[in-house]
Amino acid sequence: MLVDIDGNNINLKELTTQKTVAVITMKTPDCPVCQTQLLRIMQNFDRLAVCNVTFLVLSPTPIEKLYKAKETTLFPFPFIADHELTIAQSLDLLLSETEILPSILILNEKLEVEWAQRGRNSLYFGDPELMKHLKCDGWI
């Protein structure tokens, strides 16, 4: 069971049986490229909605900056604070002692990574690959 920054419990196992779960990782809560990734998803969410996908955002702390990122992006999906970076470490996504490798992961019903797009920069967000995997062609 995960708990988001607002204190809501997330039954990940149950969620993966209902929808395709995409985890968007943020290098840090104030990473501008990572926030842009969230904005790009929101700008095109109508097209994504037909793919039965939901999102979780995984980020290092501090929690105050994570709240600010949620407020700035208006991203309506749960934000998960990886306090000790244990989740990122289990996914082999540690960039440093305080940073997570920016990625998009799709989880299957066994809570395994079914698909991953690792890395992101201001010129490359991995959107075409995500849409191809989700079979949501023509998004961007």
Protein backbone atom coordinates (compact mmCIF):
# COMPACT_ATOMS: atom_id res chain seq x y z
CA MET A 1 0.00 0.00 0.00
CA LEU A 2 1.36 3.39 -0.99
CA VAL A 3 0.41 6.70 0.59
CA ASP A 4 0.44 9.88 -1.50
CA ILE A 5 1.52 13.29 -0.24
CA ASP A 6 -2.08 14.11 0.67
CA GLY A 7 -2.33 11.04 2.93
CA ASN A 8 -4.48 8.96 0.56
CA ASN A 9 -3.86 5.22 0.46
CA ILE A 10 -3.19 3.74 -2.97
CA ASN A 11 -3.71 0.03 -3.45
CA LEU A 12 -1.32 -0.40 -6.34
CA LYS A 13 -2.21 -4.06 -6.89
CA GLU A 14 -5.90 -3.21 -7.26
CA LEU A 15 -5.16 -0.16 -9.40
CA THR A 16 -3.16 -2.21 -11.90
CA THR A 17 -6.13 -4.56 -12.39
CA GLN A 18 -8.38 -1.63 -13.28
CA LYS A 19 -6.13 0.59 -15.40
CA THR A 20 -2.76 0.81 -17.04
CA VAL A 21 -0.55 2.44 -14.41
CA ALA A 22 2.15 4.81 -15.64
CA VAL A 23 4.68 6.03 -13.10
CA ILE A 24 6.32 9.33 -13.95
CA THR A 25 9.51 9.86 -11.98
CA MET A 26 10.93 13.27 -11.22
CA LYS A 27 14.65 13.88 -10.79
CA THR A 28 13.81 16.34 -8.01
CA PRO A 29 10.54 18.06 -7.12
CA ASP A 30 11.73 21.32 -8.66
CA CYS A 31 13.12 19.80 -11.88
CA PRO A 32 11.70 22.06 -14.63
CA VAL A 33 11.94 19.42 -17.37
CA CYS A 34 10.10 16.93 -15.15
CA GLN A 35 7.36 19.46 -14.46
CA THR A 36 7.11 20.12 -18.20
CA GLN A 37 6.57 16.37 -18.71
CA LEU A 38 3.57 16.53 -16.40
CA LEU A 39 2.21 19.59 -18.20
CA ARG A 40 2.59 17.85 -21.58
CA ILE A 41 0.60 14.89 -20.32
CA MET A 42 -2.15 17.15 -18.99
CA GLN A 43 -2.34 19.15 -22.23
CA ASN A 44 -3.09 15.95 -24.08
CA PHE A 45 -5.00 14.01 -21.46
CA ASP A 46 -8.19 13.78 -23.54
CA ARG A 47 -6.31 11.59 -26.01
CA LEU A 48 -4.74 9.55 -23.22
CA ALA A 49 -8.05 8.97 -21.44
CA VAL A 50 -9.20 6.59 -24.17
CA CYS A 51 -6.21 4.36 -23.34
CA ASN A 52 -7.50 3.61 -19.82
CA VAL A 53 -4.31 4.91 -18.23
CA THR A 54 -3.72 6.51 -14.86
CA PHE A 55 -0.59 8.10 -13.49
CA LEU A 56 1.47 8.20 -10.32
CA VAL A 57 4.30 10.68 -9.81
CA LEU A 58 7.32 9.47 -7.86
CA SER A 59 9.77 12.05 -6.57
CA PRO A 60 12.42 12.57 -3.93
CA THR A 61 11.68 14.94 -1.08
CA PRO A 62 11.60 17.60 0.37
CA ILE A 63 7.87 17.28 0.66
CA GLU A 64 7.31 21.06 0.58
CA LYS A 65 8.84 21.20 -2.89
CA LEU A 66 6.75 18.25 -3.98
CA TYR A 67 3.57 20.07 -2.92
CA LYS A 68 4.81 23.09 -4.89
CA ALA A 69 5.34 20.92 -8.00
CA LYS A 70 1.81 19.54 -7.68
CA GLU A 71 0.42 23.06 -7.29
CA THR A 72 2.49 24.43 -10.19
CA THR A 73 1.59 21.69 -12.65
CA LEU A 74 -2.01 21.13 -11.49
CA PHE A 75 -1.35 17.46 -12.21
CA PRO A 76 -4.43 15.75 -10.72
CA PHE A 77 -2.86 12.35 -10.09
CA PRO A 78 -1.19 11.13 -6.89
CA PHE A 79 2.29 12.32 -5.99
CA ILE A 80 4.37 9.83 -4.01
CA ALA A 81 7.30 11.07 -1.92
CA ASP A 82 10.14 8.56 -2.02
CA HIS A 83 11.57 9.68 1.34
CA GLU A 84 14.55 7.33 1.50
CA LEU A 85 14.65 6.69 -2.29
CA THR A 86 13.91 3.03 -1.54
CA ILE A 87 11.34 2.78 -4.32
CA ALA A 88 13.71 4.37 -6.85
CA GLN A 89 16.50 2.07 -5.69
CA SER A 90 14.29 -1.02 -6.09
CA LEU A 91 13.57 0.11 -9.67
CA ASP A 92 17.26 0.79 -10.38
CA LEU A 93 16.51 4.49 -10.90
CA LEU A 94 18.94 6.15 -8.51
CA LEU A 95 20.79 8.97 -10.19
CA SER A 96 22.50 10.12 -7.00
CA GLU A 97 21.90 10.04 -3.26
CA THR A 98 19.19 12.69 -3.69
CA GLU A 99 17.97 12.27 -7.29
CA ILE A 100 15.84 9.83 -9.29
CA LEU A 101 16.45 9.11 -12.96
CA PRO A 102 13.57 10.82 -14.81
CA SER A 103 11.57 8.02 -16.41
CA ILE A 104 8.19 6.73 -17.44
CA LEU A 105 7.37 3.22 -16.26
CA ILE A 106 4.35 1.05 -16.99
CA LEU A 107 3.52 -1.47 -14.27
CA ASN A 108 1.76 -4.77 -14.86
CA GLU A 109 -0.64 -6.58 -12.52
CA LYS A 110 2.29 -8.36 -10.85
CA LEU A 111 3.69 -4.89 -10.02
CA GLU A 112 6.61 -5.49 -12.36
CA VAL A 113 7.91 -2.93 -14.82
CA GLU A 114 6.35 -3.96 -18.11
CA TRP A 115 7.81 -1.08 -20.11
CA ALA A 116 10.25 1.71 -19.33
CA GLN A 117 11.46 4.86 -20.99
CA ARG A 118 14.48 6.04 -19.01
CA GLY A 119 15.89 9.53 -19.25
CA ARG A 120 14.42 12.88 -20.18
CA ASN A 121 15.72 16.26 -21.26
CA SER A 122 14.34 19.52 -22.59
CA LEU A 123 14.33 18.16 -26.14
CA TYR A 124 13.25 14.60 -25.43
CA PHE A 125 10.34 13.52 -23.24
CA GLY A 126 9.62 9.99 -24.51
CA ASP A 127 6.04 10.85 -25.41
CA PRO A 128 5.98 9.04 -28.78
CA GLU A 129 7.30 5.85 -27.18
CA LEU A 130 4.71 6.03 -24.39
CA MET A 131 1.89 6.56 -26.86
CA LYS A 132 3.10 3.73 -29.05
CA HIS A 133 3.24 1.38 -26.07
CA LEU A 134 -0.24 2.45 -24.93
CA LYS A 135 -1.51 2.27 -28.51
CA CYS A 136 -2.69 5.89 -28.29
CA ASP A 137 -1.36 6.94 -31.66
CA GLY A 138 -1.37 10.53 -32.81
CA TRP A 139 -0.95 12.15 -29.40
CA ILE A 140 2.09 14.31 -30.08
